[in-house]
Amino acid sequence: MSVLDSPIPRFHLAVPVDDLDAARAFYGGVLGLRQGRSAASWVDWDMLGHQFVTHLAPERQRHAHNPVDGHDVSVPHFGLLLTVDRFHELADRLRAAGAEFVIEPYLRFAGQAGEQWTMFLLDPAGNALEFKAFADDSQVFAV
């Protein structure tokens, strides 16, 4: 057993934002995450049971990019793996909110190991998010 094994497999991720009100509007309003504790310089969010935190950092650095499938993918980026139905529900929700996609929702590796839906967008502070949905969840780590 690893010291990282846990009966509650959750992650904690903190990202910089330059405007907490814009973060609240995006993460709470657009994505529909439940807000947890907060202070003048940070806000906790419930991201499907994971602790996601937006920290006020107005002078943060910008992203690097890597080419993936002909797209310019921001690094770092983060997000969630969803079911296919939830992925499409989120894509519809984002479109209805007027969100601009960096990479529109599309299917990667169709008919191959690791077939997945993916989409990228930026939050109001420029943090890159990727949401995915695998056709077969057992293929998440397929090689």
N, C-alpha and C. Protein backbone atom coordinates (compact mmCIF):
# COMPACT_ATOMS: atom_id res chain seq x y z
N MET A 1 0.85 -1.18 0.00
CA MET A 1 0.00 0.00 0.00
C MET A 1 0.89 1.25 0.00
N SER A 2 0.58 2.19 -0.83
CA SER A 2 1.32 3.45 -0.93
C SER A 2 0.84 4.44 0.13
N VAL A 3 1.72 5.34 0.53
CA VAL A 3 1.30 6.39 1.47
C VAL A 3 0.27 7.31 0.82
N LEU A 4 0.18 7.29 -0.50
CA LEU A 4 -0.80 8.11 -1.20
C LEU A 4 -2.15 7.43 -1.36
N ASP A 5 -2.24 6.13 -1.03
CA ASP A 5 -3.53 5.45 -1.07
C ASP A 5 -4.43 6.05 -0.01
N SER A 6 -5.66 6.28 -0.35
CA SER A 6 -6.58 6.91 0.58
C SER A 6 -7.98 6.39 0.33
N PRO A 7 -8.76 6.19 1.40
CA PRO A 7 -10.15 5.80 1.19
C PRO A 7 -10.98 6.93 0.59
N ILE A 8 -10.43 8.14 0.60
CA ILE A 8 -11.11 9.30 0.01
C ILE A 8 -10.19 9.89 -1.06
N PRO A 9 -10.22 9.36 -2.28
CA PRO A 9 -9.30 9.84 -3.32
C PRO A 9 -9.74 11.19 -3.89
N ARG A 10 -9.21 12.24 -3.31
CA ARG A 10 -9.54 13.59 -3.74
C ARG A 10 -8.26 14.35 -4.04
N PHE A 11 -8.37 15.32 -4.92
CA PHE A 11 -7.22 16.19 -5.12
C PHE A 11 -7.53 17.58 -4.60
N HIS A 12 -6.46 18.31 -4.33
CA HIS A 12 -6.52 19.72 -3.97
C HIS A 12 -5.69 20.46 -5.01
N LEU A 13 -6.28 21.46 -5.64
CA LEU A 13 -5.57 22.24 -6.65
C LEU A 13 -5.90 23.70 -6.42
N ALA A 14 -4.88 24.54 -6.39
CA ALA A 14 -5.05 25.98 -6.26
C ALA A 14 -4.49 26.64 -7.51
N VAL A 15 -5.27 27.57 -8.07
CA VAL A 15 -4.83 28.28 -9.28
C VAL A 15 -4.92 29.79 -9.05
N PRO A 16 -4.07 30.55 -9.75
CA PRO A 16 -4.12 32.00 -9.61
C PRO A 16 -5.22 32.61 -10.47
N VAL A 17 -5.87 33.64 -9.93
CA VAL A 17 -6.84 34.43 -10.68
C VAL A 17 -6.57 35.90 -10.40
N ASP A 18 -6.99 36.77 -11.30
CA ASP A 18 -6.74 38.20 -11.08
C ASP A 18 -7.99 38.96 -10.65
N ASP A 19 -9.13 38.25 -10.53
CA ASP A 19 -10.38 38.89 -10.14
C ASP A 19 -11.29 37.83 -9.50
N LEU A 20 -11.47 37.91 -8.19
CA LEU A 20 -12.29 36.90 -7.50
C LEU A 20 -13.76 36.97 -7.88
N ASP A 21 -14.28 38.17 -8.17
CA ASP A 21 -15.68 38.27 -8.60
C ASP A 21 -15.89 37.58 -9.94
N ALA A 22 -14.94 37.76 -10.86
CA ALA A 22 -15.03 37.07 -12.15
C ALA A 22 -14.90 35.56 -11.95
N ALA A 23 -14.04 35.13 -11.03
CA ALA A 23 -13.90 33.70 -10.72
C ALA A 23 -15.21 33.15 -10.17
N ARG A 24 -15.85 33.91 -9.26
CA ARG A 24 -17.14 33.47 -8.71
C ARG A 24 -18.20 33.35 -9.82
N ALA A 25 -18.22 34.33 -10.71
CA ALA A 25 -19.20 34.29 -11.81
C ALA A 25 -18.96 33.08 -12.71
N PHE A 26 -17.70 32.78 -13.00
CA PHE A 26 -17.39 31.68 -13.90
C PHE A 26 -17.56 30.32 -13.21
N TYR A 27 -16.85 30.11 -12.11
CA TYR A 27 -16.88 28.79 -11.47
C TYR A 27 -18.22 28.51 -10.78
N GLY A 28 -18.80 29.53 -10.16
CA GLY A 28 -20.10 29.34 -9.51
C GLY A 28 -21.25 29.47 -10.48
N GLY A 29 -21.23 30.50 -11.32
CA GLY A 29 -22.34 30.75 -12.23
C GLY A 29 -22.33 29.90 -13.48
N VAL A 30 -21.23 29.96 -14.24
CA VAL A 30 -21.16 29.24 -15.52
C VAL A 30 -21.00 27.74 -15.30
N LEU A 31 -20.00 27.33 -14.50
CA LEU A 31 -19.78 25.90 -14.28
C LEU A 31 -20.72 25.30 -13.25
N GLY A 32 -21.29 26.13 -12.39
CA GLY A 32 -22.24 25.65 -11.39
C GLY A 32 -21.61 24.95 -10.20
N LEU A 33 -20.34 25.26 -9.88
CA LEU A 33 -19.69 24.65 -8.73
C LEU A 33 -20.20 25.30 -7.45
N ARG A 34 -20.29 24.51 -6.39
CA ARG A 34 -20.70 25.02 -5.09
C ARG A 34 -19.51 25.70 -4.42
N GLN A 35 -19.73 26.92 -3.95
CA GLN A 35 -18.67 27.65 -3.27
C GLN A 35 -18.56 27.18 -1.82
N GLY A 36 -17.34 27.03 -1.36
CA GLY A 36 -17.08 26.68 0.03
C GLY A 36 -16.59 27.90 0.79
N ARG A 37 -15.62 27.67 1.65
CA ARG A 37 -15.06 28.78 2.44
C ARG A 37 -14.37 29.78 1.53
N SER A 38 -14.22 31.01 2.05
CA SER A 38 -13.51 32.03 1.28
C SER A 38 -12.94 33.07 2.22
N ALA A 39 -12.04 33.85 1.70
CA ALA A 39 -11.46 34.99 2.41
C ALA A 39 -11.29 36.10 1.38
N ALA A 40 -10.68 37.18 1.76
CA ALA A 40 -10.50 38.30 0.84
C ALA A 40 -9.62 37.95 -0.36
N SER A 41 -8.77 36.91 -0.23
CA SER A 41 -7.84 36.60 -1.32
C SER A 41 -8.00 35.20 -1.90
N TRP A 42 -9.02 34.45 -1.52
CA TRP A 42 -9.21 33.11 -2.09
C TRP A 42 -10.65 32.63 -1.92
N VAL A 43 -11.02 31.64 -2.75
CA VAL A 43 -12.34 31.00 -2.68
C VAL A 43 -12.14 29.50 -2.91
N ASP A 44 -12.72 28.68 -2.02
CA ASP A 44 -12.75 27.22 -2.20
C ASP A 44 -13.97 26.85 -3.04
N TRP A 45 -13.80 25.85 -3.90
CA TRP A 45 -14.89 25.34 -4.74
C TRP A 45 -14.96 23.83 -4.60
N ASP A 46 -16.18 23.28 -4.65
CA ASP A 46 -16.39 21.84 -4.66
C ASP A 46 -16.46 21.40 -6.12
N MET A 47 -15.37 20.79 -6.59
CA MET A 47 -15.30 20.32 -7.98
C MET A 47 -15.49 18.81 -7.97
N LEU A 48 -16.77 18.39 -7.91
CA LEU A 48 -17.14 16.98 -7.83
C LEU A 48 -16.44 16.27 -6.68
N GLY A 49 -16.40 16.95 -5.52
CA GLY A 49 -15.80 16.37 -4.34
C GLY A 49 -14.33 16.70 -4.16
N HIS A 50 -13.73 17.33 -5.14
CA HIS A 50 -12.32 17.72 -5.05
C HIS A 50 -12.25 19.18 -4.60
N GLN A 51 -11.18 19.51 -3.87
CA GLN A 51 -11.04 20.87 -3.37
C GLN A 51 -10.24 21.69 -4.38
N PHE A 52 -10.93 22.58 -5.04
CA PHE A 52 -10.36 23.47 -6.05
C PHE A 52 -10.41 24.88 -5.48
N VAL A 53 -9.28 25.59 -5.52
CA VAL A 53 -9.19 26.90 -4.88
C VAL A 53 -8.71 27.95 -5.88
N THR A 54 -9.40 29.08 -5.92
CA THR A 54 -8.94 30.21 -6.72
C THR A 54 -8.31 31.22 -5.77
N HIS A 55 -7.02 31.53 -6.02
CA HIS A 55 -6.27 32.47 -5.19
C HIS A 55 -6.01 33.75 -5.98
N LEU A 56 -6.27 34.88 -5.34
CA LEU A 56 -6.02 36.17 -5.97
C LEU A 56 -4.52 36.35 -6.18
N ALA A 57 -4.11 36.51 -7.43
CA ALA A 57 -2.69 36.68 -7.79
C ALA A 57 -2.65 37.53 -9.06
N PRO A 58 -2.83 38.84 -8.93
CA PRO A 58 -2.97 39.69 -10.11
C PRO A 58 -1.73 39.75 -11.01
N GLU A 59 -0.57 39.35 -10.54
CA GLU A 59 0.64 39.45 -11.36
C GLU A 59 1.18 38.08 -11.73
N ARG A 60 0.29 37.16 -12.06
CA ARG A 60 0.70 35.80 -12.37
C ARG A 60 1.33 35.69 -13.75
N GLN A 61 2.03 34.59 -13.99
CA GLN A 61 2.65 34.34 -15.28
C GLN A 61 1.65 33.70 -16.23
N ARG A 62 1.88 33.87 -17.51
CA ARG A 62 1.02 33.26 -18.54
C ARG A 62 1.51 31.87 -18.91
N HIS A 63 0.79 31.20 -19.78
CA HIS A 63 1.01 29.80 -20.13
C HIS A 63 1.99 29.60 -21.27
N ALA A 64 2.54 28.40 -21.27
CA ALA A 64 3.26 27.87 -22.42
C ALA A 64 2.24 27.08 -23.24
N HIS A 65 2.62 26.67 -24.44
CA HIS A 65 1.71 25.91 -25.30
C HIS A 65 2.44 24.74 -25.94
N ASN A 66 1.69 23.67 -26.20
CA ASN A 66 2.21 22.50 -26.92
C ASN A 66 1.22 22.13 -28.02
N PRO A 67 1.75 21.67 -29.18
CA PRO A 67 0.85 21.21 -30.24
C PRO A 67 0.31 19.81 -29.92
N VAL A 68 -1.03 19.65 -29.98
CA VAL A 68 -1.68 18.36 -29.77
C VAL A 68 -2.80 18.26 -30.79
N ASP A 69 -2.75 17.24 -31.65
CA ASP A 69 -3.79 17.02 -32.67
C ASP A 69 -4.06 18.27 -33.50
N GLY A 70 -3.04 19.03 -33.81
CA GLY A 70 -3.22 20.23 -34.61
C GLY A 70 -3.77 21.42 -33.85
N HIS A 71 -3.86 21.32 -32.52
CA HIS A 71 -4.34 22.41 -31.68
C HIS A 71 -3.19 22.94 -30.83
N ASP A 72 -3.29 24.19 -30.43
CA ASP A 72 -2.32 24.82 -29.55
C ASP A 72 -2.83 24.69 -28.13
N VAL A 73 -2.32 23.73 -27.35
CA VAL A 73 -2.83 23.40 -26.03
C VAL A 73 -2.03 24.13 -24.95
N SER A 74 -2.73 24.86 -24.09
CA SER A 74 -2.09 25.57 -22.99
C SER A 74 -1.57 24.60 -21.93
N VAL A 75 -0.36 24.90 -21.44
CA VAL A 75 0.25 24.14 -20.37
C VAL A 75 0.69 25.16 -19.32
N PRO A 76 0.27 25.03 -18.08
CA PRO A 76 -0.52 23.93 -17.54
C PRO A 76 -2.00 24.08 -17.86
N HIS A 77 -2.72 22.99 -17.70
CA HIS A 77 -4.18 23.01 -17.77
C HIS A 77 -4.70 21.93 -16.81
N PHE A 78 -5.98 22.02 -16.48
CA PHE A 78 -6.59 21.07 -15.56
C PHE A 78 -8.04 20.94 -15.92
N GLY A 79 -8.71 19.95 -15.32
CA GLY A 79 -10.14 19.77 -15.56
C GLY A 79 -10.62 18.49 -14.95
N LEU A 80 -11.71 17.97 -15.49
CA LEU A 80 -12.33 16.77 -14.97
C LEU A 80 -12.60 15.77 -16.08
N LEU A 81 -12.63 14.50 -15.70
CA LEU A 81 -13.09 13.44 -16.58
C LEU A 81 -14.55 13.18 -16.22
N LEU A 82 -15.41 13.29 -17.20
CA LEU A 82 -16.85 13.16 -17.00
C LEU A 82 -17.38 11.97 -17.78
N THR A 83 -18.65 11.62 -17.55
CA THR A 83 -19.29 10.66 -18.44
C THR A 83 -19.57 11.38 -19.76
N VAL A 84 -19.82 10.62 -20.80
CA VAL A 84 -20.09 11.22 -22.10
C VAL A 84 -21.33 12.12 -22.03
N ASP A 85 -22.38 11.66 -21.36
CA ASP A 85 -23.59 12.48 -21.24
C ASP A 85 -23.31 13.78 -20.50
N ARG A 86 -22.60 13.70 -19.37
CA ARG A 86 -22.28 14.91 -18.60
C ARG A 86 -21.37 15.85 -19.39
N PHE A 87 -20.45 15.29 -20.17
CA PHE A 87 -19.58 16.09 -21.03
C PHE A 87 -20.41 16.95 -21.97
N HIS A 88 -21.36 16.32 -22.65
CA HIS A 88 -22.19 17.06 -23.61
C HIS A 88 -23.13 18.04 -22.91
N GLU A 89 -23.61 17.69 -21.72
CA GLU A 89 -24.42 18.64 -20.94
C GLU A 89 -23.58 19.87 -20.59
N LEU A 90 -22.33 19.65 -20.17
CA LEU A 90 -21.45 20.78 -19.84
C LEU A 90 -21.15 21.61 -21.08
N ALA A 91 -20.88 20.96 -22.19
CA ALA A 91 -20.61 21.70 -23.43
C ALA A 91 -21.81 22.57 -23.79
N ASP A 92 -23.01 22.05 -23.66
CA ASP A 92 -24.22 22.84 -23.93
C ASP A 92 -24.35 24.00 -22.96
N ARG A 93 -24.06 23.73 -21.69
CA ARG A 93 -24.13 24.79 -20.66
C ARG A 93 -23.14 25.90 -20.97
N LEU A 94 -21.93 25.53 -21.36
CA LEU A 94 -20.90 26.52 -21.70
C LEU A 94 -21.31 27.33 -22.92
N ARG A 95 -21.85 26.67 -23.94
CA ARG A 95 -22.31 27.40 -25.13
C ARG A 95 -23.43 28.38 -24.77
N ALA A 96 -24.37 27.92 -23.94
CA ALA A 96 -25.49 28.79 -23.54
C ALA A 96 -25.01 30.00 -22.74
N ALA A 97 -23.90 29.83 -22.01
CA ALA A 97 -23.34 30.94 -21.23
C ALA A 97 -22.46 31.85 -22.07
N GLY A 98 -22.28 31.51 -23.35
CA GLY A 98 -21.45 32.33 -24.23
C GLY A 98 -19.96 32.12 -24.04
N ALA A 99 -19.58 31.01 -23.43
CA ALA A 99 -18.15 30.72 -23.23
C ALA A 99 -17.47 30.55 -24.59
N GLU A 100 -16.25 31.04 -24.67
CA GLU A 100 -15.45 30.87 -25.89
C GLU A 100 -14.51 29.68 -25.69
N PHE A 101 -14.58 28.73 -26.59
CA PHE A 101 -13.71 27.57 -26.51
C PHE A 101 -12.37 27.87 -27.15
N VAL A 102 -11.30 27.42 -26.52
CA VAL A 102 -9.99 27.44 -27.15
C VAL A 102 -9.95 26.31 -28.17
N ILE A 103 -10.51 25.16 -27.76
CA ILE A 103 -10.69 24.01 -28.65
C ILE A 103 -12.12 23.54 -28.46
N GLU A 104 -12.91 23.64 -29.51
CA GLU A 104 -14.31 23.21 -29.47
C GLU A 104 -14.40 21.73 -29.10
N PRO A 105 -15.50 21.32 -28.48
CA PRO A 105 -15.67 19.90 -28.17
C PRO A 105 -15.52 19.04 -29.42
N TYR A 106 -14.69 18.00 -29.31
CA TYR A 106 -14.52 17.08 -30.44
C TYR A 106 -14.09 15.72 -29.94
N LEU A 107 -14.20 14.71 -30.81
CA LEU A 107 -13.87 13.33 -30.47
C LEU A 107 -12.45 13.02 -30.95
N ARG A 108 -11.60 12.60 -30.01
CA ARG A 108 -10.23 12.18 -30.32
C ARG A 108 -10.15 10.66 -30.36
N PHE A 109 -9.27 10.14 -31.17
CA PHE A 109 -8.98 8.71 -31.23
C PHE A 109 -10.22 7.87 -31.51
N ALA A 110 -11.09 8.35 -32.39
CA ALA A 110 -12.33 7.62 -32.71
C ALA A 110 -12.03 6.19 -33.13
N GLY A 111 -12.69 5.25 -32.47
CA GLY A 111 -12.54 3.84 -32.78
C GLY A 111 -11.23 3.23 -32.32
N GLN A 112 -10.42 3.98 -31.57
CA GLN A 112 -9.13 3.50 -31.10
C GLN A 112 -9.13 3.40 -29.57
N ALA A 113 -8.08 2.78 -29.03
CA ALA A 113 -7.91 2.78 -27.57
C ALA A 113 -7.83 4.22 -27.09
N GLY A 114 -8.50 4.51 -26.00
CA GLY A 114 -8.47 5.85 -25.45
C GLY A 114 -9.40 6.84 -26.13
N GLU A 115 -10.39 6.33 -26.90
CA GLU A 115 -11.36 7.24 -27.54
C GLU A 115 -11.96 8.16 -26.49
N GLN A 116 -11.97 9.46 -26.79
CA GLN A 116 -12.42 10.44 -25.80
C GLN A 116 -12.94 11.71 -26.46
N TRP A 117 -13.92 12.29 -25.80
CA TRP A 117 -14.37 13.64 -26.13
C TRP A 117 -13.51 14.59 -25.32
N THR A 118 -13.17 15.75 -25.89
CA THR A 118 -12.38 16.73 -25.17
C THR A 118 -12.78 18.14 -25.60
N MET A 119 -12.57 19.09 -24.70
CA MET A 119 -12.77 20.51 -25.01
C MET A 119 -11.89 21.33 -24.08
N PHE A 120 -11.44 22.48 -24.57
CA PHE A 120 -10.60 23.39 -23.79
C PHE A 120 -11.23 24.78 -23.78
N LEU A 121 -11.11 25.45 -22.64
CA LEU A 121 -11.52 26.85 -22.54
C LEU A 121 -10.68 27.51 -21.46
N LEU A 122 -10.75 28.82 -21.38
CA LEU A 122 -10.04 29.59 -20.37
C LEU A 122 -11.03 30.18 -19.40
N ASP A 123 -10.65 30.24 -18.12
CA ASP A 123 -11.47 30.97 -17.16
C ASP A 123 -11.18 32.46 -17.33
N PRO A 124 -11.88 33.34 -16.63
CA PRO A 124 -11.67 34.78 -16.83
C PRO A 124 -10.24 35.25 -16.54
N ALA A 125 -9.46 34.49 -15.74
CA ALA A 125 -8.08 34.87 -15.44
C ALA A 125 -7.09 34.25 -16.42
N GLY A 126 -7.58 33.48 -17.39
CA GLY A 126 -6.70 32.86 -18.38
C GLY A 126 -6.21 31.48 -18.02
N ASN A 127 -6.72 30.88 -16.92
CA ASN A 127 -6.36 29.50 -16.59
C ASN A 127 -7.03 28.56 -17.58
N ALA A 128 -6.26 27.63 -18.11
CA ALA A 128 -6.77 26.71 -19.12
C ALA A 128 -7.42 25.49 -18.46
N LEU A 129 -8.62 25.14 -18.92
CA LEU A 129 -9.35 23.98 -18.43
C LEU A 129 -9.61 23.03 -19.59
N GLU A 130 -9.46 21.73 -19.31
CA GLU A 130 -9.82 20.70 -20.27
C GLU A 130 -10.82 19.77 -19.59
N PHE A 131 -11.90 19.50 -20.27
CA PHE A 131 -12.87 18.52 -19.80
C PHE A 131 -12.88 17.39 -20.80
N LYS A 132 -12.91 16.14 -20.29
CA LYS A 132 -12.84 14.95 -21.13
C LYS A 132 -13.94 13.98 -20.77
N ALA A 133 -14.23 13.09 -21.70
CA ALA A 133 -15.14 11.97 -21.45
C ALA A 133 -14.67 10.80 -22.30
N PHE A 134 -14.36 9.70 -21.65
CA PHE A 134 -13.91 8.50 -22.36
C PHE A 134 -15.10 7.62 -22.70
N ALA A 135 -15.09 7.08 -23.92
CA ALA A 135 -16.15 6.17 -24.34
C ALA A 135 -16.14 4.94 -23.44
N ASP A 136 -14.96 4.50 -23.01
CA ASP A 136 -14.79 3.34 -22.13
C ASP A 136 -13.87 3.77 -21.01
N ASP A 137 -14.39 3.93 -19.81
CA ASP A 137 -13.61 4.45 -18.69
C ASP A 137 -12.37 3.60 -18.39
N SER A 138 -12.38 2.33 -18.74
CA SER A 138 -11.21 1.49 -18.51
C SER A 138 -10.05 1.87 -19.42
N GLN A 139 -10.28 2.75 -20.38
CA GLN A 139 -9.25 3.17 -21.33
C GLN A 139 -8.54 4.47 -20.95
N VAL A 140 -8.84 5.01 -19.77
CA VAL A 140 -8.25 6.29 -19.35
C VAL A 140 -6.73 6.26 -19.44
N PHE A 141 -6.09 5.15 -19.04
CA PHE A 141 -4.65 5.06 -19.06
C PHE A 141 -4.13 4.11 -20.15
N ALA A 142 -4.95 3.88 -21.17
CA ALA A 142 -4.56 2.97 -22.25
C ALA A 142 -3.34 3.51 -22.98
N VAL A 143 -2.47 2.60 -23.41
CA VAL A 143 -1.28 2.98 -24.18
C VAL A 143 -1.38 2.50 -25.60
